[in-house]
C-alpha atoms as a PDB file:
ATOM      1  CA  MET A   1     144.221 265.124 199.686  1.00  0.00           C
ATOM      2  CA  ASN A   2     146.262 268.173 200.621  1.00  0.00           C
ATOM      3  CA  ILE A   3     145.835 271.334 198.543  1.00  0.00           C
ATOM      4  CA  PRO A   4     148.265 274.232 198.013  1.00  0.00           C
ATOM      5  CA  SER A   5     148.199 277.041 200.543  1.00  0.00           C
ATOM      6  CA  LEU A   6     147.273 280.613 199.653  1.00  0.00           C
ATOM      7  CA  GLY A   7     149.919 283.173 198.797  1.00  0.00           C
ATOM      8  CA  ALA A   8     149.901 286.840 199.769  1.00  0.00           C
ATOM      9  CA  ASP A   9     148.178 287.676 196.481  1.00  0.00           C
ATOM     10  CA  GLY A  10     145.283 285.333 197.272  1.00  0.00           C
ATOM     11  CA  ARG A  11     146.335 282.729 194.718  1.00  0.00           C
ATOM     12  CA  ARG A  12     147.431 279.180 195.469  1.00  0.00           C
ATOM     13  CA  LEU A  13     151.156 278.441 195.790  1.00  0.00           C
ATOM     14  CA  THR A  14     151.316 275.890 192.994  1.00  0.00           C
ATOM     15  CA  VAL A  15     153.983 274.783 190.548  1.00  0.00           C
ATOM     16  CA  ASN A  16     152.889 277.750 188.417  1.00  0.00           C
ATOM     17  CA  ARG A  17     153.921 280.442 190.890  1.00  0.00           C
ATOM     18  CA  GLY A  18     157.149 282.438 190.746  1.00  0.00           C
ATOM     19  CA  LEU A  19     157.717 281.888 187.037  1.00  0.00           C
ATOM     20  CA  SER A  20     159.947 283.859 184.724  1.00  0.00           C
ATOM     21  CA  ASP A  21     158.360 285.253 181.557  1.00  0.00           C
ATOM     22  CA  ASP A  22     159.794 282.372 179.534  1.00  0.00           C
ATOM     23  CA  GLU A  23     158.653 279.732 182.028  1.00  0.00           C
ATOM     24  CA  LEU A  24     155.128 281.116 182.004  1.00  0.00           C
ATOM     25  CA  VAL A  25     154.948 280.683 178.228  1.00  0.00           C
ATOM     26  CA  TRP A  26     156.258 277.131 178.501  1.00  0.00           C
ATOM     27  CA  HIS A  27     153.826 276.226 181.282  1.00  0.00           C
ATOM     28  CA  PHE A  28     151.005 277.654 179.164  1.00  0.00           C
ATOM     29  CA  ARG A  29     152.122 275.529 176.219  1.00  0.00           C
ATOM     30  CA  SER A  30     152.338 272.481 178.499  1.00  0.00           C
ATOM     31  CA  GLY A  31     148.870 272.982 179.941  1.00  0.00           C
ATOM     32  CA  TRP A  32     147.416 273.390 176.465  1.00  0.00           C
ATOM     33  CA  ASN A  33     149.168 270.169 175.470  1.00  0.00           C
ATOM     34  CA  VAL A  34     147.606 268.290 178.403  1.00  0.00           C
ATOM     35  CA  ALA A  35     144.182 269.512 177.321  1.00  0.00           C
ATOM     36  CA  ALA A  36     144.819 268.532 173.692  1.00  0.00           C
ATOM     37  CA  LEU A  37     145.674 264.990 174.769  1.00  0.00           C
ATOM     38  CA  ASN A  38     143.003 264.500 177.409  1.00  0.00           C
ATOM     39  CA  CYS A  39     139.961 266.547 176.352  1.00  0.00           C
ATOM     40  CA  SER A  40     139.150 263.880 173.821  1.00  0.00           C
ATOM     41  CA  THR A  41     135.461 264.152 172.944  1.00  0.00           C
ATOM     42  CA  ALA A  42     134.395 265.764 169.665  1.00  0.00           C
ATOM     43  CA  GLN A  43     133.227 269.002 171.250  1.00  0.00           C
ATOM     44  CA  PHE A  44     136.813 269.675 172.313  1.00  0.00           C
ATOM     45  CA  ASP A  45     138.414 269.102 168.896  1.00  0.00           C
ATOM     46  CA  PRO A  46     139.276 272.823 168.574  1.00  0.00           C
ATOM     47  CA  ILE A  47     141.670 272.385 171.510  1.00  0.00           C
ATOM     48  CA  THR A  48     143.833 270.003 169.496  1.00  0.00           C
ATOM     49  CA  ASP A  49     143.478 272.147 166.374  1.00  0.00           C
ATOM     50  CA  GLY A  50     144.449 275.301 168.226  1.00  0.00           C
ATOM     51  CA  TYR A  51     147.377 273.739 170.056  1.00  0.00           C
ATOM     52  CA  SER A  52     148.722 272.165 166.866  1.00  0.00           C
ATOM     53  CA  LEU A  53     148.529 275.478 165.010  1.00  0.00           C
ATOM     54  CA  TYR A  54     150.145 277.367 167.897  1.00  0.00           C
ATOM     55  CA  ILE A  55     153.221 275.134 168.151  1.00  0.00           C
ATOM     56  CA  LYS A  56     153.589 274.895 164.357  1.00  0.00           C
ATOM     57  CA  LYS A  57     153.023 278.550 163.489  1.00  0.00           C
ATOM     58  CA  TYR A  58     155.259 279.770 166.312  1.00  0.00           C
ATOM     59  CA  ALA A  59     157.822 276.957 166.373  1.00  0.00           C
ATOM     60  CA  ARG A  60     160.804 279.308 166.090  1.00  0.00           C
ATOM     61  CA  PRO A  61     159.948 281.740 168.911  1.00  0.00           C
ATOM     62  CA  LEU A  62     158.918 278.805 171.111  1.00  0.00           C
ATOM     63  CA  LYS A  63     162.259 277.140 170.423  1.00  0.00           C
ATOM     64  CA  ARG A  64     164.087 280.308 171.437  1.00  0.00           C
ATOM     65  CA  ILE A  65     162.105 280.371 174.675  1.00  0.00           C
ATOM     66  CA  ASN A  66     162.890 276.713 175.327  1.00  0.00           C
ATOM     67  CA  ASP A  67     166.592 277.267 174.639  1.00  0.00           C
ATOM     68  CA  ARG A  68     166.727 280.177 177.085  1.00  0.00           C
ATOM     69  CA  ILE A  69     165.081 278.074 179.791  1.00  0.00           C
ATOM     70  CA  ASP A  70     167.566 275.266 179.158  1.00  0.00           C
ATOM     71  CA  LYS A  71     170.422 277.754 179.477  1.00  0.00           C
ATOM     72  CA  VAL A  72     169.155 278.914 182.874  1.00  0.00           C
ATOM     73  CA  TYR A  73     168.883 275.337 184.143  1.00  0.00           C
ATOM     74  CA  ARG A  74     172.399 274.525 182.947  1.00  0.00           C
ATOM     75  CA  SER A  75     173.823 277.581 184.676  1.00  0.00           C
ATOM     76  CA  GLN A  76     172.110 276.627 187.937  1.00  0.00           C
ATOM     77  CA  ALA A  77     172.672 272.868 187.873  1.00  0.00           C
ATOM     78  CA  GLY A  78     176.363 272.789 187.053  1.00  0.00           C
ATOM     79  CA  SER A  79     176.142 269.972 184.522  1.00  0.00           C
ATOM     80  CA  ARG A  80     174.038 269.167 181.486  1.00  0.00           C
ATOM     81  CA  ARG A  81     172.702 265.931 182.990  1.00  0.00           C
ATOM     82  CA  ALA A  82     171.750 267.594 186.269  1.00  0.00           C
ATOM     83  CA  ALA A  83     170.023 270.377 184.341  1.00  0.00           C
ATOM     84  CA  ILE A  84     167.998 267.898 182.291  1.00  0.00           C
ATOM     85  CA  MET A  85     166.941 265.992 185.396  1.00  0.00           C
ATOM     86  CA  ALA A  86     165.977 269.166 187.255  1.00  0.00           C
ATOM     87  CA  ARG A  87     163.882 270.467 184.410  1.00  0.00           C
ATOM     88  CA  GLU A  88     162.202 267.137 183.746  1.00  0.00           C
ATOM     89  CA  ASP A  89     161.281 266.943 187.429  1.00  0.00           C
ATOM     90  CA  LYS A  90     159.762 270.423 187.254  1.00  0.00           C
ATOM     91  CA  MET A  91     157.831 269.640 184.083  1.00  0.00           C
ATOM     92  CA  THR A  92     156.448 266.428 185.559  1.00  0.00           C
ATOM     93  CA  GLY A  93     154.886 268.597 188.238  1.00  0.00           C
ATOM     94  CA  VAL A  94     153.481 270.936 185.594  1.00  0.00           C
ATOM     95  CA  TYR A  95     151.888 268.139 183.574  1.00  0.00           C
ATOM     96  CA  ASN A  96     150.480 266.543 186.722  1.00  0.00           C
ATOM     97  CA  PHE A  97     149.030 269.870 187.827  1.00  0.00           C
ATOM     98  CA  PHE A  98     147.069 270.328 184.613  1.00  0.00           C
ATOM     99  CA  ALA A  99     145.883 266.697 184.730  1.00  0.00           C
ATOM    100  CA  LEU A 100     144.290 267.005 188.190  1.00  0.00           C
ATOM    101  CA  PRO A 101     141.142 264.824 188.048  1.00  0.00           C
ATOM    102  CA  PRO A 102     138.544 266.951 189.876  1.00  0.00           C
ATOM    103  CA  ALA A 103     139.138 269.973 187.626  1.00  0.00           C
ATOM    104  CA  ARG A 104     139.049 268.053 184.345  1.00  0.00           C
ATOM    105  CA  GLY A 105     135.713 269.180 182.919  1.00  0.00           C
ATOM    106  CA  ALA A 106     136.125 272.858 183.776  1.00  0.00           C
ATOM    107  CA  PHE A 107     139.716 272.837 182.513  1.00  0.00           C
ATOM    108  CA  CYS A 108     138.606 271.458 179.147  1.00  0.00           C
ATOM    109  CA  ARG A 109     135.932 274.132 178.842  1.00  0.00           C
ATOM    110  CA  GLU A 110     138.342 276.950 179.691  1.00  0.00           C
ATOM    111  CA  THR A 111     140.918 275.636 177.222  1.00  0.00           C
ATOM    112  CA  LEU A 112     138.238 275.277 174.558  1.00  0.00           C
ATOM    113  CA  ASP A 113     137.448 278.977 174.887  1.00  0.00           C
ATOM    114  CA  ILE A 114     141.136 279.884 174.600  1.00  0.00           C
ATOM    115  CA  SER A 115     141.524 277.627 171.566  1.00  0.00           C
ATOM    116  CA  ASN A 116     138.479 278.998 169.760  1.00  0.00           C
ATOM    117  CA  ARG A 117     139.689 282.560 170.211  1.00  0.00           C
ATOM    118  CA  PHE A 118     143.143 281.651 168.938  1.00  0.00           C
ATOM    119  CA  LEU A 119     141.764 279.830 165.892  1.00  0.00           C
ATOM    120  CA  ALA A 120     139.603 282.853 165.073  1.00  0.00           C
ATOM    121  CA  ALA A 121     142.615 285.206 165.173  1.00  0.00           C
ATOM    122  CA  PRO A 122     145.876 283.207 165.090  1.00  0.00           C
ATOM    123  CA  ASP A 123     148.186 286.107 164.207  1.00  0.00           C
ATOM    124  CA  VAL A 124     149.428 286.854 167.712  1.00  0.00           C
ATOM    125  CA  ASP A 125     152.585 287.374 169.667  1.00  0.00           C
ATOM    126  CA  PRO A 126     152.869 283.834 171.107  1.00  0.00           C
ATOM    127  CA  ALA A 127     154.411 284.975 174.387  1.00  0.00           C
ATOM    128  CA  GLU A 128     151.856 287.737 174.853  1.00  0.00           C
ATOM    129  CA  PHE A 129     149.018 285.331 174.046  1.00  0.00           C
ATOM    130  CA  ALA A 130     150.310 282.948 176.711  1.00  0.00           C
ATOM    131  CA  ARG A 131     150.566 285.710 179.309  1.00  0.00           C
ATOM    132  CA  ASP A 132     147.110 287.069 178.494  1.00  0.00           C
ATOM    133  CA  ASN A 133     145.453 283.651 178.822  1.00  0.00           C
ATOM    134  CA  PHE A 134     147.432 281.958 181.573  1.00  0.00           C
ATOM    135  CA  VAL A 135     145.080 282.959 184.380  1.00  0.00           C
ATOM    136  CA  GLN A 136     142.159 281.491 182.441  1.00  0.00           C
ATOM    137  CA  LEU A 137     144.102 278.279 181.826  1.00  0.00           C
ATOM    138  CA  GLU A 138     144.567 277.928 185.598  1.00  0.00           C
ATOM    139  CA  ARG A 139     141.089 279.092 186.582  1.00  0.00           C
ATOM    140  CA  ALA A 140     139.497 275.659 186.934  1.00  0.00           C
ATOM    141  CA  PHE A 141     142.180 274.581 189.395  1.00  0.00           C
ATOM    142  CA  GLU A 142     142.034 277.758 191.482  1.00  0.00           C
ATOM    143  CA  ILE A 143     138.259 277.357 191.745  1.00  0.00           C
ATOM    144  CA  PHE A 144     138.568 273.708 192.733  1.00  0.00           C
ATOM    145  CA  PHE A 145     141.185 274.428 195.406  1.00  0.00           C
ATOM    146  CA  ASN A 146     139.091 277.251 196.867  1.00  0.00           C
ATOM    147  CA  ASP A 147     135.901 275.189 196.819  1.00  0.00           C
ATOM    148  CA  TYR A 148     137.669 272.248 198.433  1.00  0.00           C
ATOM    149  CA  ALA A 149     139.116 274.466 201.164  1.00  0.00           C
ATOM    150  CA  ALA A 150     135.655 275.918 201.854  1.00  0.00           C
ATOM    151  CA  TYR A 151     134.233 272.401 202.047  1.00  0.00           C
ATOM    152  CA  GLN A 152     136.898 271.384 204.550  1.00  0.00           C
ATOM    153  CA  GLN A 153     136.147 274.426 206.708  1.00  0.00           C
ATOM    154  CA  LYS A 154     132.406 273.781 206.707  1.00  0.00           C
ATOM    155  CA  SER A 155     132.979 270.127 207.491  1.00  0.00           C
ATOM    156  CA  ALA A 156     135.252 271.007 210.411  1.00  0.00           C
ATOM    157  CA  SER A 157     132.627 273.405 211.776  1.00  0.00           C
ATOM    158  CA  TRP A 158     129.930 270.742 211.532  1.00  0.00           C
ATOM    159  CA  ASP A 159     132.151 268.188 213.264  1.00  0.00           C
ATOM    160  CA  ALA A 160     132.936 270.613 216.077  1.00  0.00           C
ATOM    161  CA  GLU A 161     129.247 271.187 216.737  1.00  0.00           C
ATOM    162  CA  TYR A 162     127.634 267.857 215.892  1.00  0.00           C
ATOM    163  CA  GLY A 163     130.420 265.306 215.459  1.00  0.00           C
ATOM    164  CA  ALA A 164     130.225 263.907 218.975  1.00  0.00           C
ATOM    165  CA  GLN A 165     126.520 263.198 218.534  1.00  0.00           C
ATOM    166  CA  TYR A 166     126.319 262.079 214.897  1.00  0.00           C
ATOM    167  CA  GLY A 167     129.865 261.091 213.962  1.00  0.00           C
ATOM    168  CA  PRO A 168     132.309 262.796 211.586  1.00  0.00           C
ATOM    169  CA  SER A 169     130.989 264.464 208.447  1.00  0.00           C
ATOM    170  CA  GLN A 170     133.924 263.072 206.447  1.00  0.00           C
ATOM    171  CA  PRO A 171     134.540 259.454 207.465  1.00  0.00           C
ATOM    172  CA  GLY A 172     136.952 259.221 204.562  1.00  0.00           C
ATOM    173  CA  TRP A 173     138.973 262.092 206.011  1.00  0.00           C
ATOM    174  CA  VAL A 174     139.141 260.311 209.350  1.00  0.00           C
ATOM    175  CA  ALA A 175     140.450 257.231 207.562  1.00  0.00           C
ATOM    176  CA  VAL A 176     143.067 259.365 205.809  1.00  0.00           C
ATOM    177  CA  GLN A 177     144.267 260.831 209.084  1.00  0.00           C
ATOM    178  CA  ASN A 178     144.484 257.375 210.641  1.00  0.00           C
ATOM    179  CA  ALA A 179     146.508 256.221 207.645  1.00  0.00           C
ATOM    180  CA  ARG A 180     148.765 259.269 207.942  1.00  0.00           C
ATOM    181  CA  SER A 181     149.433 258.405 211.586  1.00  0.00           C
ATOM    182  CA  ARG A 182     150.626 254.991 210.395  1.00  0.00           C
ATOM    183  CA  GLY A 183     153.082 256.602 207.976  1.00  0.00           C
ATOM    184  CA  VAL A 184     150.994 256.367 204.791  1.00  0.00           C
ATOM    185  CA  GLU A 185     151.684 259.307 202.469  1.00  0.00           C
ATOM    186  CA  VAL A 186     148.709 261.552 201.694  1.00  0.00           C
ATOM    187  CA  PRO A 187     148.828 262.988 198.144  1.00  0.00           C
ATOM    188  CA  THR A 188     149.514 266.701 197.852  1.00  0.00           C
ATOM    189  CA  VAL A 189     148.290 268.166 194.591  1.00  0.00           C
ATOM    190  CA  GLY A 190     149.284 271.186 192.569  1.00  0.00           C
ATOM    191  CA  THR A 191     152.792 271.731 193.896  1.00  0.00           C
ATOM    192  CA  GLY A 192     155.078 268.984 192.651  1.00  0.00           C
ATOM    193  CA  THR A 193     155.371 265.519 191.197  1.00  0.00           C
ATOM    194  CA  ALA A 194     152.562 263.760 193.078  1.00  0.00           C
ATOM    195  CA  ASP A 195     150.543 261.524 190.766  1.00  0.00           C
ATOM    196  CA  PRO A 196     147.177 263.222 190.140  1.00  0.00           C
ATOM    197  CA  GLY A 197     145.655 259.787 189.659  1.00  0.00           C
ATOM    198  CA  ALA A 198     146.143 259.275 193.398  1.00  0.00           C
ATOM    199  CA  THR A 199     143.187 261.598 193.958  1.00  0.00           C
ATOM    200  CA  LEU A 200     140.814 259.197 192.213  1.00  0.00           C
ATOM    201  CA  SER A 201     138.751 256.665 194.125  1.00  0.00           C
ATOM    202  CA  THR A 202     139.200 254.019 191.413  1.00  0.00           C
ATOM    203  CA  PRO A 203     142.306 253.075 189.405  1.00  0.00           C
ATOM    204  CA  THR A 204     142.883 254.646 186.009  1.00  0.00           C
ATOM    205  CA  ALA A 205     143.802 252.747 182.878  1.00  0.00           C
ATOM    206  CA  THR A 206     145.824 253.806 179.859  1.00  0.00           C
ATOM    207  CA  SER A 207     143.834 253.437 176.653  1.00  0.00           C
ATOM    208  CA  GLY A 208     146.641 254.248 174.245  1.00  0.00           C
ATOM    209  CA  PHE A 209     149.819 256.178 173.564  1.00  0.00           C
ATOM    210  CA  VAL A 210     150.910 259.079 171.371  1.00  0.00           C
ATOM    211  CA  ALA A 211     154.476 259.344 170.136  1.00  0.00           C
ATOM    212  CA  GLU A 212     156.067 262.602 171.241  1.00  0.00           C
ATOM    213  CA  PRO A 213     157.253 264.130 167.930  1.00  0.00           C
ATOM    214  CA  GLN A 214     160.688 265.327 169.057  1.00  0.00           C
ATOM    215  CA  THR A 215     161.888 262.122 170.727  1.00  0.00           C
ATOM    216  CA  GLY A 216     159.442 259.371 169.783  1.00  0.00           C
ATOM    217  CA  THR A 217     158.747 258.673 173.455  1.00  0.00           C
ATOM    218  CA  GLN A 218     155.311 257.174 174.082  1.00  0.00           C
ATOM    219  CA  VAL A 219     153.035 259.573 175.955  1.00  0.00           C
ATOM    220  CA  PRO A 220     150.090 257.914 177.763  1.00  0.00           C
ATOM    221  CA  VAL A 221     146.604 259.149 176.920  1.00  0.00           C
ATOM    222  CA  ILE A 222     143.662 258.158 179.108  1.00  0.00           C
ATOM    223  CA  PRO A 223     140.305 259.535 177.878  1.00  0.00           C
ATOM    224  CA  ALA A 224     137.779 260.103 180.632  1.00  0.00           C
ATOM    225  CA  ASP A 225     134.384 261.638 181.269  1.00  0.00           C
ATOM    226  CA  THR A 226     135.051 265.385 181.136  1.00  0.00           C
ATOM    227  CA  ARG A 227     132.129 266.072 183.435  1.00  0.00           C
ATOM    228  CA  PHE A 228     134.121 265.214 186.524  1.00  0.00           C
ATOM    229  CA  VAL A 229     137.521 263.549 186.114  1.00  0.00           C
ATOM    230  CA  SER A 230     140.884 264.019 184.427  1.00  0.00           C
ATOM    231  CA  GLN A 231     143.838 261.781 183.809  1.00  0.00           C
ATOM    232  CA  PRO A 232     147.589 262.302 184.175  1.00  0.00           C
ATOM    233  CA  VAL A 233     149.851 262.647 181.168  1.00  0.00           C
ATOM    234  CA  SER A 234     153.545 263.242 180.836  1.00  0.00           C
ATOM    235  CA  GLN A 235     155.719 264.476 178.017  1.00  0.00           C
ATOM    236  CA  PRO A 236     159.504 264.527 177.677  1.00  0.00           C
ATOM    237  CA  LEU A 237     161.271 267.797 177.059  1.00  0.00           C
ATOM    238  CA  PRO A 238     162.206 268.767 173.494  1.00  0.00           C
ATOM    239  CA  THR A 239     165.665 267.694 172.455  1.00  0.00           C
ATOM    240  CA  GLU A 240     168.314 270.284 171.754  1.00  0.00           C
ATOM    241  CA  GLY A 241     168.436 271.444 168.168  1.00  0.00           C
ATOM    242  CA  SER A 242     164.827 270.548 167.409  1.00  0.00           C
ATOM    243  CA  ASP A 243     163.077 273.149 165.256  1.00  0.00           C
ATOM    244  CA  ASN A 244     159.529 271.970 165.918  1.00  0.00           C
ATOM    245  CA  GLN A 245     158.716 272.341 169.592  1.00  0.00           C
END
């Protein structure tokens, strides 16, 4: 697995970097949605409650934000169809980012804290609330990426000193590199549309679907043990003219 590189500010160069103010709000909403669908045990019920209240109570300002983002994509893409495809591609990367398996448990706990605080005081500026809590929403993934990078560095140091005598510390990594040399693609997480399920050692299975309220499209939901794994979800973009985002 390849992880995002570090930017000049010390944060990972993920799909959540370089966002406009409106995009940040929409990515926050999307991450919260992933948690609401995938953090499925009873202890995480406030996540669904908080997300549902947020998108219902602030449907109008969220719609205005969504419309402005759509307008930007249309101006850049040159056609409505190209704009839709470009934005859907971007949002697939966003949903996959927040569904990254190794960060699942910590992500649910961070989102639970955000949700509980919102439910306790729901009268907020929705955009300001998103900005104030976005770093926390991402925290589990930043920690995982940093921990994984540190692990790789320590493993490389061990191999350099002891590998010739005892063999590689990461036989799986050796297998990955051999596969790469044969042209097999190695998943890169956090930056695009790579399937986060590709980071799991065993296949995932869809346990059910939820109809996306704006379009009726079936969104896969795959409950998992929040102690260590997460599952990918996807959601289509809201349709134009919809009041309830």
